[in-house]
């Protein structure tokens, strides 16, 4: 049986580019959070709505209170809650 040599290590390290801070705001201190303004002070000009069997999720990015990039993911149990969040997002300052 021949022995297998370990592959030589790379002469450099591969680093990922910095990412925006991703925050899951669906639960905060055990209570459901439904206000976007508590999470982001400025929003990007787009957002994504995910449809699930038991509700919806709004994913939106922007700037938090520290002016850092952040992504908020907020779960909604029904369409009415989702519409409230979308209206709030459309009235929030844009980044």
N, C-alpha and C. Protein backbone atom coordinates (compact mmCIF):
# COMPACT_ATOMS: atom_id res chain seq x y z
N UNK A 1 0.84 -1.19 0.00
CA UNK A 1 0.00 0.00 0.00
C UNK A 1 0.88 1.25 0.00
N UNK A 2 0.55 2.17 -0.85
CA UNK A 2 1.31 3.41 -0.86
C UNK A 2 0.62 4.43 0.04
N UNK A 3 1.43 5.24 0.63
CA UNK A 3 0.90 6.29 1.51
C UNK A 3 0.54 7.51 0.68
N UNK A 4 -0.53 8.12 1.05
CA UNK A 4 -0.98 9.33 0.36
C UNK A 4 -0.40 10.54 1.06
N UNK A 5 0.23 11.41 0.29
CA UNK A 5 0.81 12.62 0.85
C UNK A 5 -0.28 13.68 1.01
N UNK A 6 -0.16 14.44 2.06
CA UNK A 6 -1.08 15.56 2.26
C UNK A 6 -0.77 16.64 1.24
N UNK A 7 -1.80 17.27 0.76
CA UNK A 7 -1.61 18.33 -0.21
C UNK A 7 -0.87 19.50 0.42
N UNK A 8 -0.03 20.13 -0.35
CA UNK A 8 0.73 21.27 0.15
C UNK A 8 -0.23 22.41 0.45
N UNK A 9 0.06 23.16 1.48
CA UNK A 9 -0.81 24.27 1.84
C UNK A 9 -0.60 25.42 0.86
N UNK A 10 -1.62 26.23 0.73
CA UNK A 10 -1.56 27.37 -0.17
C UNK A 10 -0.55 28.38 0.36
N UNK A 11 0.14 29.08 -0.51
CA UNK A 11 1.08 30.10 -0.05
C UNK A 11 0.37 31.38 0.41
N UNK A 12 -0.93 31.42 0.30
CA UNK A 12 -1.70 32.60 0.72
C UNK A 12 -3.01 32.12 1.33
N UNK A 13 -3.62 32.99 2.07
CA UNK A 13 -4.91 32.64 2.66
C UNK A 13 -6.02 33.31 1.87
N UNK A 14 -7.12 32.64 1.75
CA UNK A 14 -8.27 33.17 1.04
C UNK A 14 -9.21 33.79 2.07
N UNK A 15 -9.52 35.05 1.88
CA UNK A 15 -10.40 35.75 2.80
C UNK A 15 -11.66 36.16 2.09
N UNK A 16 -12.77 36.04 2.79
CA UNK A 16 -14.04 36.47 2.22
C UNK A 16 -14.15 37.98 2.33
N UNK A 17 -14.88 38.58 1.39
CA UNK A 17 -15.09 40.03 1.50
C UNK A 17 -15.99 40.31 2.70
N UNK A 18 -15.87 41.50 3.27
CA UNK A 18 -16.71 41.81 4.43
C UNK A 18 -18.18 41.80 4.04
N UNK A 19 -19.01 41.27 4.92
CA UNK A 19 -20.45 41.20 4.68
C UNK A 19 -21.16 42.19 5.57
N UNK A 20 -22.36 42.51 5.17
CA UNK A 20 -23.15 43.34 6.05
C UNK A 20 -23.61 42.48 7.22
N UNK A 21 -23.82 43.12 8.32
CA UNK A 21 -24.25 42.41 9.51
C UNK A 21 -25.68 41.92 9.29
N UNK A 22 -25.91 40.63 9.47
CA UNK A 22 -27.24 40.07 9.27
C UNK A 22 -27.90 39.86 10.63
N UNK A 23 -29.06 40.43 10.78
CA UNK A 23 -29.76 40.38 12.06
C UNK A 23 -31.13 39.76 11.85
N UNK A 24 -31.44 38.76 12.64
CA UNK A 24 -32.76 38.15 12.57
C UNK A 24 -33.61 38.78 13.66
N UNK A 25 -34.55 39.62 13.26
CA UNK A 25 -35.35 40.37 14.21
C UNK A 25 -36.72 39.77 14.44
N UNK A 26 -36.94 38.53 14.00
CA UNK A 26 -38.26 37.95 14.17
C UNK A 26 -38.57 37.74 15.65
N UNK A 27 -37.56 37.52 16.45
CA UNK A 27 -37.75 37.40 17.90
C UNK A 27 -36.75 38.33 18.58
N UNK A 28 -37.20 39.09 19.54
CA UNK A 28 -36.35 40.02 20.26
C UNK A 28 -36.77 40.01 21.71
N UNK A 29 -35.90 39.50 22.58
CA UNK A 29 -36.21 39.38 24.00
C UNK A 29 -37.49 38.58 24.25
N UNK A 30 -37.74 37.57 23.43
CA UNK A 30 -38.88 36.70 23.63
C UNK A 30 -40.20 37.26 23.12
N UNK A 31 -40.20 38.49 22.62
CA UNK A 31 -41.42 39.09 22.10
C UNK A 31 -41.31 39.26 20.60
N UNK A 32 -42.42 39.12 19.91
CA UNK A 32 -42.42 39.32 18.47
C UNK A 32 -42.24 40.80 18.18
N UNK A 33 -41.34 41.12 17.28
CA UNK A 33 -41.06 42.51 16.93
C UNK A 33 -41.67 42.79 15.57
N UNK A 34 -42.42 43.86 15.46
CA UNK A 34 -43.06 44.16 14.20
C UNK A 34 -42.72 45.55 13.67
N UNK A 35 -41.84 46.30 14.33
CA UNK A 35 -41.51 47.63 13.87
C UNK A 35 -40.16 47.64 13.18
N UNK A 36 -40.15 48.06 11.95
CA UNK A 36 -38.92 48.16 11.19
C UNK A 36 -38.04 49.29 11.72
N UNK A 37 -38.66 50.35 12.20
CA UNK A 37 -37.89 51.51 12.68
C UNK A 37 -37.04 51.18 13.91
N UNK A 38 -37.38 50.14 14.64
CA UNK A 38 -36.55 49.71 15.77
C UNK A 38 -35.27 49.04 15.29
N UNK A 39 -35.24 48.63 14.05
CA UNK A 39 -34.12 47.85 13.52
C UNK A 39 -33.25 48.62 12.54
N UNK A 40 -33.89 49.37 11.66
CA UNK A 40 -33.16 50.10 10.62
C UNK A 40 -33.62 51.55 10.58
N UNK A 41 -32.66 52.47 10.44
CA UNK A 41 -33.01 53.88 10.34
C UNK A 41 -33.09 54.33 8.88
N UNK A 42 -32.40 53.62 8.01
CA UNK A 42 -32.47 53.86 6.56
C UNK A 42 -32.58 52.51 5.88
N UNK A 43 -33.30 52.45 4.76
CA UNK A 43 -33.48 51.20 4.04
C UNK A 43 -33.00 51.34 2.60
N UNK A 44 -32.63 50.21 2.01
CA UNK A 44 -32.29 50.18 0.59
C UNK A 44 -33.58 50.33 -0.22
N UNK A 45 -33.43 50.44 -1.52
CA UNK A 45 -34.60 50.66 -2.37
C UNK A 45 -35.29 49.37 -2.80
N UNK A 46 -34.92 48.23 -2.21
CA UNK A 46 -35.60 46.97 -2.53
C UNK A 46 -35.69 46.09 -1.29
N UNK A 47 -36.59 45.15 -1.34
CA UNK A 47 -36.74 44.16 -0.28
C UNK A 47 -37.30 42.89 -0.89
N UNK A 48 -37.26 41.80 -0.12
CA UNK A 48 -37.73 40.51 -0.60
C UNK A 48 -38.79 39.98 0.35
N UNK A 49 -39.85 39.43 -0.21
CA UNK A 49 -40.91 38.79 0.58
C UNK A 49 -40.86 37.29 0.28
N UNK A 50 -40.75 36.49 1.34
CA UNK A 50 -40.78 35.04 1.22
C UNK A 50 -42.14 34.55 1.70
N UNK A 51 -42.74 33.64 0.95
CA UNK A 51 -44.03 33.06 1.33
C UNK A 51 -43.79 31.65 1.87
N UNK A 52 -44.30 31.40 3.08
CA UNK A 52 -44.17 30.10 3.72
C UNK A 52 -45.55 29.52 3.96
N UNK A 53 -45.60 28.25 4.34
CA UNK A 53 -46.89 27.62 4.64
C UNK A 53 -47.61 28.28 5.80
N UNK A 54 -46.85 28.81 6.76
CA UNK A 54 -47.48 29.37 7.96
C UNK A 54 -47.27 30.87 8.10
N UNK A 55 -46.91 31.57 7.03
CA UNK A 55 -46.76 33.02 7.11
C UNK A 55 -45.84 33.57 6.03
N UNK A 56 -45.24 34.72 6.33
CA UNK A 56 -44.39 35.43 5.39
C UNK A 56 -43.14 35.91 6.11
N UNK A 57 -42.11 36.24 5.34
CA UNK A 57 -40.92 36.87 5.90
C UNK A 57 -40.52 38.01 5.00
N UNK A 58 -40.28 39.17 5.61
CA UNK A 58 -39.78 40.33 4.89
C UNK A 58 -38.29 40.44 5.19
N UNK A 59 -37.48 40.48 4.15
CA UNK A 59 -36.04 40.66 4.29
C UNK A 59 -35.68 41.99 3.65
N UNK A 60 -35.07 42.87 4.44
CA UNK A 60 -34.74 44.20 3.94
C UNK A 60 -33.41 44.63 4.54
N UNK A 61 -32.60 45.30 3.75
CA UNK A 61 -31.29 45.76 4.20
C UNK A 61 -31.28 47.28 4.28
N UNK A 62 -30.31 47.79 5.02
CA UNK A 62 -30.16 49.23 5.16
C UNK A 62 -29.12 49.54 6.21
N UNK A 63 -29.32 50.64 6.92
CA UNK A 63 -28.40 51.09 7.96
C UNK A 63 -29.09 51.05 9.32
N UNK A 64 -28.33 50.61 10.34
CA UNK A 64 -28.87 50.60 11.69
C UNK A 64 -28.53 51.90 12.40
N UNK A 65 -28.80 51.97 13.71
CA UNK A 65 -28.55 53.19 14.48
C UNK A 65 -27.09 53.60 14.51
N UNK A 66 -26.18 52.64 14.33
CA UNK A 66 -24.75 52.92 14.33
C UNK A 66 -24.21 53.23 12.94
N UNK A 67 -25.10 53.39 11.97
CA UNK A 67 -24.74 53.62 10.57
C UNK A 67 -23.99 52.44 9.96
N UNK A 68 -24.15 51.24 10.53
CA UNK A 68 -23.58 50.02 9.96
C UNK A 68 -24.61 49.39 9.03
N UNK A 69 -24.12 48.67 8.02
CA UNK A 69 -25.01 47.92 7.16
C UNK A 69 -25.65 46.80 7.96
N UNK A 70 -26.92 46.56 7.75
CA UNK A 70 -27.62 45.50 8.47
C UNK A 70 -28.73 44.95 7.58
N UNK A 71 -29.07 43.69 7.81
CA UNK A 71 -30.17 43.05 7.11
C UNK A 71 -31.17 42.58 8.16
N UNK A 72 -32.41 43.02 8.02
CA UNK A 72 -33.46 42.62 8.95
C UNK A 72 -34.33 41.56 8.28
N UNK A 73 -34.64 40.51 9.03
CA UNK A 73 -35.55 39.46 8.56
C UNK A 73 -36.68 39.38 9.58
N UNK A 74 -37.87 39.75 9.15
CA UNK A 74 -38.99 39.84 10.07
C UNK A 74 -40.09 38.89 9.61
N UNK A 75 -40.51 38.01 10.52
CA UNK A 75 -41.58 37.06 10.22
C UNK A 75 -42.94 37.68 10.49
N UNK A 76 -43.88 37.39 9.63
CA UNK A 76 -45.26 37.87 9.76
C UNK A 76 -46.19 36.68 9.70
N UNK A 77 -47.18 36.66 10.58
CA UNK A 77 -48.08 35.51 10.60
C UNK A 77 -49.18 35.59 9.53
N UNK A 78 -49.46 36.82 9.05
CA UNK A 78 -50.49 36.94 8.01
C UNK A 78 -50.17 38.12 7.08
N UNK A 79 -50.97 38.25 6.06
CA UNK A 79 -50.76 39.27 5.04
C UNK A 79 -50.93 40.67 5.60
N UNK A 80 -51.82 40.85 6.57
CA UNK A 80 -52.04 42.17 7.16
C UNK A 80 -50.77 42.69 7.84
N UNK A 81 -50.08 41.84 8.59
CA UNK A 81 -48.83 42.25 9.23
C UNK A 81 -47.77 42.59 8.19
N UNK A 82 -47.72 41.82 7.13
CA UNK A 82 -46.75 42.07 6.06
C UNK A 82 -47.01 43.42 5.41
N UNK A 83 -48.25 43.75 5.15
CA UNK A 83 -48.59 45.02 4.51
C UNK A 83 -48.20 46.20 5.40
N UNK A 84 -48.39 46.06 6.71
CA UNK A 84 -47.98 47.11 7.64
C UNK A 84 -46.47 47.34 7.54
N UNK A 85 -45.69 46.26 7.49
CA UNK A 85 -44.23 46.40 7.36
C UNK A 85 -43.82 47.02 6.04
N UNK A 86 -44.48 46.64 4.96
CA UNK A 86 -44.16 47.21 3.65
C UNK A 86 -44.47 48.69 3.61
N UNK A 87 -45.59 49.10 4.21
CA UNK A 87 -45.92 50.53 4.26
C UNK A 87 -44.88 51.29 5.08
N UNK A 88 -44.44 50.68 6.19
CA UNK A 88 -43.41 51.32 7.00
C UNK A 88 -42.10 51.44 6.23
N UNK A 89 -41.73 50.40 5.50
CA UNK A 89 -40.49 50.42 4.71
C UNK A 89 -40.54 51.52 3.63
N UNK A 90 -41.71 51.69 3.04
CA UNK A 90 -41.82 52.68 1.97
C UNK A 90 -41.80 54.12 2.51
N UNK A 91 -42.07 54.30 3.79
CA UNK A 91 -42.03 55.65 4.37
C UNK A 91 -40.73 55.92 5.13
N UNK A 92 -39.84 54.93 5.23
CA UNK A 92 -38.56 55.09 5.92
C UNK A 92 -37.56 55.76 4.97
N UNK A 93 -36.64 56.55 5.54
CA UNK A 93 -35.61 57.20 4.72
C UNK A 93 -34.82 56.17 3.93
N UNK A 94 -34.43 56.54 2.71
CA UNK A 94 -33.66 55.65 1.84
C UNK A 94 -32.18 55.90 2.00
N UNK A 95 -31.42 54.84 1.81
CA UNK A 95 -29.97 54.93 1.91
C UNK A 95 -29.38 55.16 0.53
